[in-house]
Amino acid sequence: MLLSILLQAAASSALGYVGAAIGAGLVALGAGVGIGKIGKSAMEGIARQPEAAGNIRTSMIIIGALVEGVCLFGVIVCLLIVLLK
């Protein structure tokens, strides 16, 4: 309900396009930083304990997929702001 009201308010003004573009950029930037930190931590963990590489890799893939899901949701919300106008 609240999200729908916010989307309609943002879409009704010209600043909605600017906000959507900035929002999509920030979402993509945040996801890139998150994936980078996940990869860095996984490589450090594998270097410290090579025998746990399989478990670390599995956890890294699951967490990476969750971060990408949040990123996709954010980009979709930004696109909805643009398309509702």
N, C-alpha and C. Protein backbone atom coordinates (compact mmCIF):
# COMPACT_ATOMS: atom_id res chain seq x y z
N MET A 1 0.83 -1.19 0.00
CA MET A 1 0.00 0.00 0.00
C MET A 1 0.88 1.25 0.00
N LEU A 2 1.79 1.34 0.97
CA LEU A 2 2.67 2.50 1.06
C LEU A 2 3.59 2.58 -0.16
N LEU A 3 4.10 1.44 -0.59
CA LEU A 3 4.97 1.42 -1.76
C LEU A 3 4.23 1.92 -3.00
N SER A 4 2.97 1.55 -3.13
CA SER A 4 2.17 1.99 -4.27
C SER A 4 1.98 3.51 -4.24
N ILE A 5 1.74 4.06 -3.06
CA ILE A 5 1.56 5.51 -2.94
C ILE A 5 2.86 6.23 -3.28
N LEU A 6 3.98 5.71 -2.78
CA LEU A 6 5.27 6.33 -3.06
C LEU A 6 5.61 6.26 -4.54
N LEU A 7 5.32 5.13 -5.16
CA LEU A 7 5.59 4.99 -6.59
C LEU A 7 4.76 5.96 -7.41
N GLN A 8 3.50 6.14 -7.05
CA GLN A 8 2.65 7.07 -7.79
C GLN A 8 3.09 8.51 -7.59
N ALA A 9 3.52 8.85 -6.37
CA ALA A 9 3.99 10.22 -6.11
C ALA A 9 5.27 10.51 -6.88
N ALA A 10 6.17 9.55 -6.93
CA ALA A 10 7.43 9.75 -7.64
C ALA A 10 7.19 9.81 -9.15
N ALA A 11 6.25 9.04 -9.65
CA ALA A 11 6.00 9.00 -11.08
C ALA A 11 5.27 10.24 -11.57
N SER A 12 4.62 10.96 -10.66
CA SER A 12 3.84 12.12 -11.08
C SER A 12 4.70 13.35 -11.31
N SER A 13 5.95 13.35 -10.89
CA SER A 13 6.80 14.52 -11.08
C SER A 13 7.94 14.19 -12.03
N ALA A 14 8.57 15.24 -12.53
CA ALA A 14 9.70 15.05 -13.45
C ALA A 14 10.92 14.52 -12.71
N LEU A 15 10.98 14.77 -11.40
CA LEU A 15 12.11 14.28 -10.62
C LEU A 15 12.06 12.77 -10.43
N GLY A 16 10.95 12.16 -10.76
CA GLY A 16 10.84 10.71 -10.65
C GLY A 16 11.83 9.99 -11.54
N TYR A 17 12.06 10.53 -12.73
CA TYR A 17 13.03 9.93 -13.65
C TYR A 17 14.45 10.01 -13.08
N VAL A 18 14.77 11.17 -12.54
CA VAL A 18 16.11 11.36 -11.97
C VAL A 18 16.30 10.45 -10.77
N GLY A 19 15.29 10.40 -9.91
CA GLY A 19 15.36 9.55 -8.73
C GLY A 19 15.47 8.07 -9.09
N ALA A 20 14.74 7.67 -10.12
CA ALA A 20 14.79 6.28 -10.55
C ALA A 20 16.16 5.93 -11.11
N ALA A 21 16.76 6.84 -11.86
CA ALA A 21 18.09 6.59 -12.42
C ALA A 21 19.13 6.52 -11.31
N ILE A 22 19.06 7.44 -10.36
CA ILE A 22 20.01 7.42 -9.24
C ILE A 22 19.80 6.16 -8.41
N GLY A 23 18.54 5.82 -8.17
CA GLY A 23 18.25 4.62 -7.38
C GLY A 23 18.76 3.34 -8.04
N ALA A 24 18.55 3.22 -9.34
CA ALA A 24 19.03 2.03 -10.05
C ALA A 24 20.54 1.95 -10.01
N GLY A 25 21.19 3.11 -10.15
CA GLY A 25 22.65 3.13 -10.07
C GLY A 25 23.18 2.74 -8.70
N LEU A 26 22.53 3.25 -7.66
CA LEU A 26 22.96 2.92 -6.31
C LEU A 26 22.72 1.44 -5.98
N VAL A 27 21.62 0.90 -6.48
CA VAL A 27 21.35 -0.52 -6.27
C VAL A 27 22.40 -1.38 -6.94
N ALA A 28 22.74 -1.05 -8.17
CA ALA A 28 23.76 -1.83 -8.90
C ALA A 28 25.12 -1.68 -8.23
N LEU A 29 25.45 -0.47 -7.79
CA LEU A 29 26.72 -0.24 -7.10
C LEU A 29 26.79 -1.03 -5.80
N GLY A 30 25.70 -1.01 -5.04
CA GLY A 30 25.67 -1.75 -3.78
C GLY A 30 25.79 -3.25 -4.00
N ALA A 31 25.13 -3.76 -5.02
CA ALA A 31 25.24 -5.19 -5.31
C ALA A 31 26.65 -5.56 -5.74
N GLY A 32 27.29 -4.71 -6.51
CA GLY A 32 28.67 -4.97 -6.92
C GLY A 32 29.62 -5.01 -5.75
N VAL A 33 29.46 -4.07 -4.83
CA VAL A 33 30.30 -4.06 -3.63
C VAL A 33 30.03 -5.29 -2.78
N GLY A 34 28.76 -5.65 -2.65
CA GLY A 34 28.41 -6.84 -1.86
C GLY A 34 28.99 -8.12 -2.43
N ILE A 35 28.87 -8.30 -3.72
CA ILE A 35 29.43 -9.49 -4.38
C ILE A 35 30.94 -9.50 -4.24
N GLY A 36 31.56 -8.33 -4.36
CA GLY A 36 33.02 -8.25 -4.20
C GLY A 36 33.46 -8.65 -2.80
N LYS A 37 32.74 -8.21 -1.79
CA LYS A 37 33.09 -8.58 -0.41
C LYS A 37 32.87 -10.07 -0.17
N ILE A 38 31.81 -10.61 -0.75
CA ILE A 38 31.57 -12.05 -0.60
C ILE A 38 32.72 -12.84 -1.23
N GLY A 39 33.11 -12.46 -2.44
CA GLY A 39 34.21 -13.16 -3.12
C GLY A 39 35.52 -13.04 -2.36
N LYS A 40 35.80 -11.84 -1.85
CA LYS A 40 37.04 -11.62 -1.09
C LYS A 40 37.07 -12.49 0.16
N SER A 41 35.98 -12.50 0.89
CA SER A 41 35.93 -13.30 2.12
C SER A 41 36.02 -14.80 1.82
N ALA A 42 35.38 -15.21 0.74
CA ALA A 42 35.43 -16.63 0.38
C ALA A 42 36.85 -17.05 -0.01
N MET A 43 37.53 -16.21 -0.77
CA MET A 43 38.90 -16.54 -1.17
C MET A 43 39.83 -16.58 0.05
N GLU A 44 39.64 -15.67 0.99
CA GLU A 44 40.45 -15.70 2.21
C GLU A 44 40.17 -16.96 3.01
N GLY A 45 38.90 -17.33 3.10
CA GLY A 45 38.54 -18.54 3.83
C GLY A 45 39.10 -19.80 3.20
N ILE A 46 39.05 -19.87 1.87
CA ILE A 46 39.59 -21.03 1.17
C ILE A 46 41.10 -21.08 1.31
N ALA A 47 41.76 -19.92 1.31
CA ALA A 47 43.21 -19.89 1.47
C ALA A 47 43.62 -20.36 2.87
N ARG A 48 42.81 -20.04 3.86
CA ARG A 48 43.13 -20.45 5.24
C ARG A 48 42.81 -21.91 5.50
N GLN A 49 41.71 -22.39 4.91
CA GLN A 49 41.31 -23.79 5.11
C GLN A 49 40.92 -24.40 3.76
N PRO A 50 41.88 -24.89 3.01
CA PRO A 50 41.57 -25.45 1.68
C PRO A 50 40.63 -26.65 1.73
N GLU A 51 40.64 -27.38 2.84
CA GLU A 51 39.76 -28.56 2.93
C GLU A 51 38.28 -28.17 3.03
N ALA A 52 37.98 -26.93 3.37
CA ALA A 52 36.59 -26.48 3.48
C ALA A 52 36.14 -25.72 2.23
N ALA A 53 36.86 -25.85 1.14
CA ALA A 53 36.57 -25.08 -0.07
C ALA A 53 35.17 -25.36 -0.61
N GLY A 54 34.74 -26.60 -0.57
CA GLY A 54 33.41 -26.95 -1.10
C GLY A 54 32.29 -26.28 -0.33
N ASN A 55 32.38 -26.32 1.00
CA ASN A 55 31.35 -25.69 1.83
C ASN A 55 31.36 -24.17 1.67
N ILE A 56 32.54 -23.59 1.61
CA ILE A 56 32.65 -22.13 1.45
C ILE A 56 32.10 -21.71 0.11
N ARG A 57 32.41 -22.46 -0.94
CA ARG A 57 31.92 -22.13 -2.28
C ARG A 57 30.40 -22.22 -2.34
N THR A 58 29.83 -23.23 -1.71
CA THR A 58 28.37 -23.37 -1.71
C THR A 58 27.71 -22.19 -0.99
N SER A 59 28.26 -21.83 0.17
CA SER A 59 27.71 -20.69 0.90
C SER A 59 27.86 -19.40 0.11
N MET A 60 28.99 -19.25 -0.58
CA MET A 60 29.23 -18.05 -1.37
C MET A 60 28.21 -17.94 -2.50
N ILE A 61 27.89 -19.02 -3.15
CA ILE A 61 26.93 -19.00 -4.25
C ILE A 61 25.53 -18.66 -3.75
N ILE A 62 25.14 -19.22 -2.61
CA ILE A 62 23.82 -18.94 -2.05
C ILE A 62 23.70 -17.47 -1.65
N ILE A 63 24.71 -16.95 -0.96
CA ILE A 63 24.66 -15.56 -0.53
C ILE A 63 24.72 -14.63 -1.74
N GLY A 64 25.52 -14.96 -2.73
CA GLY A 64 25.58 -14.15 -3.95
C GLY A 64 24.23 -14.10 -4.66
N ALA A 65 23.53 -15.22 -4.69
CA ALA A 65 22.20 -15.25 -5.32
C ALA A 65 21.21 -14.38 -4.55
N LEU A 66 21.31 -14.38 -3.23
CA LEU A 66 20.42 -13.53 -2.43
C LEU A 66 20.71 -12.05 -2.67
N VAL A 67 21.97 -11.69 -2.77
CA VAL A 67 22.33 -10.30 -3.05
C VAL A 67 21.83 -9.90 -4.43
N GLU A 68 21.98 -10.75 -5.40
CA GLU A 68 21.49 -10.45 -6.75
C GLU A 68 19.96 -10.33 -6.78
N GLY A 69 19.28 -11.13 -5.96
CA GLY A 69 17.82 -11.02 -5.88
C GLY A 69 17.38 -9.68 -5.34
N VAL A 70 18.06 -9.20 -4.31
CA VAL A 70 17.74 -7.89 -3.76
C VAL A 70 18.03 -6.80 -4.79
N CYS A 71 19.12 -6.94 -5.51
CA CYS A 71 19.48 -5.97 -6.55
C CYS A 71 18.41 -5.94 -7.64
N LEU A 72 17.98 -7.09 -8.06
CA LEU A 72 16.94 -7.16 -9.09
C LEU A 72 15.66 -6.51 -8.61
N PHE A 73 15.28 -6.74 -7.35
CA PHE A 73 14.08 -6.12 -6.80
C PHE A 73 14.20 -4.60 -6.82
N GLY A 74 15.36 -4.08 -6.43
CA GLY A 74 15.58 -2.64 -6.43
C GLY A 74 15.50 -2.03 -7.82
N VAL A 75 16.07 -2.70 -8.79
CA VAL A 75 16.03 -2.19 -10.16
C VAL A 75 14.61 -2.23 -10.71
N ILE A 76 13.85 -3.26 -10.37
CA ILE A 76 12.45 -3.36 -10.82
C ILE A 76 11.63 -2.22 -10.24
N VAL A 77 11.85 -1.90 -8.96
CA VAL A 77 11.12 -0.78 -8.35
C VAL A 77 11.47 0.52 -9.06
N CYS A 78 12.73 0.73 -9.38
CA CYS A 78 13.13 1.94 -10.11
C CYS A 78 12.50 1.99 -11.51
N LEU A 79 12.43 0.85 -12.17
CA LEU A 79 11.80 0.81 -13.49
C LEU A 79 10.30 1.07 -13.39
N LEU A 80 9.68 0.60 -12.32
CA LEU A 80 8.24 0.86 -12.14
C LEU A 80 7.97 2.34 -11.97
N ILE A 81 8.86 3.05 -11.31
CA ILE A 81 8.69 4.49 -11.16
C ILE A 81 8.67 5.15 -12.54
N VAL A 82 9.54 4.72 -13.42
CA VAL A 82 9.60 5.31 -14.75
C VAL A 82 8.39 4.90 -15.57
N LEU A 83 7.96 3.68 -15.48
CA LEU A 83 6.89 3.18 -16.33
C LEU A 83 5.51 3.58 -15.87
N LEU A 84 5.35 4.01 -14.63
CA LEU A 84 4.02 4.42 -14.16
C LEU A 84 3.60 5.80 -14.67
N LYS A 85 4.53 6.54 -15.17
CA LYS A 85 4.18 7.88 -15.65
C LYS A 85 3.50 7.89 -16.97
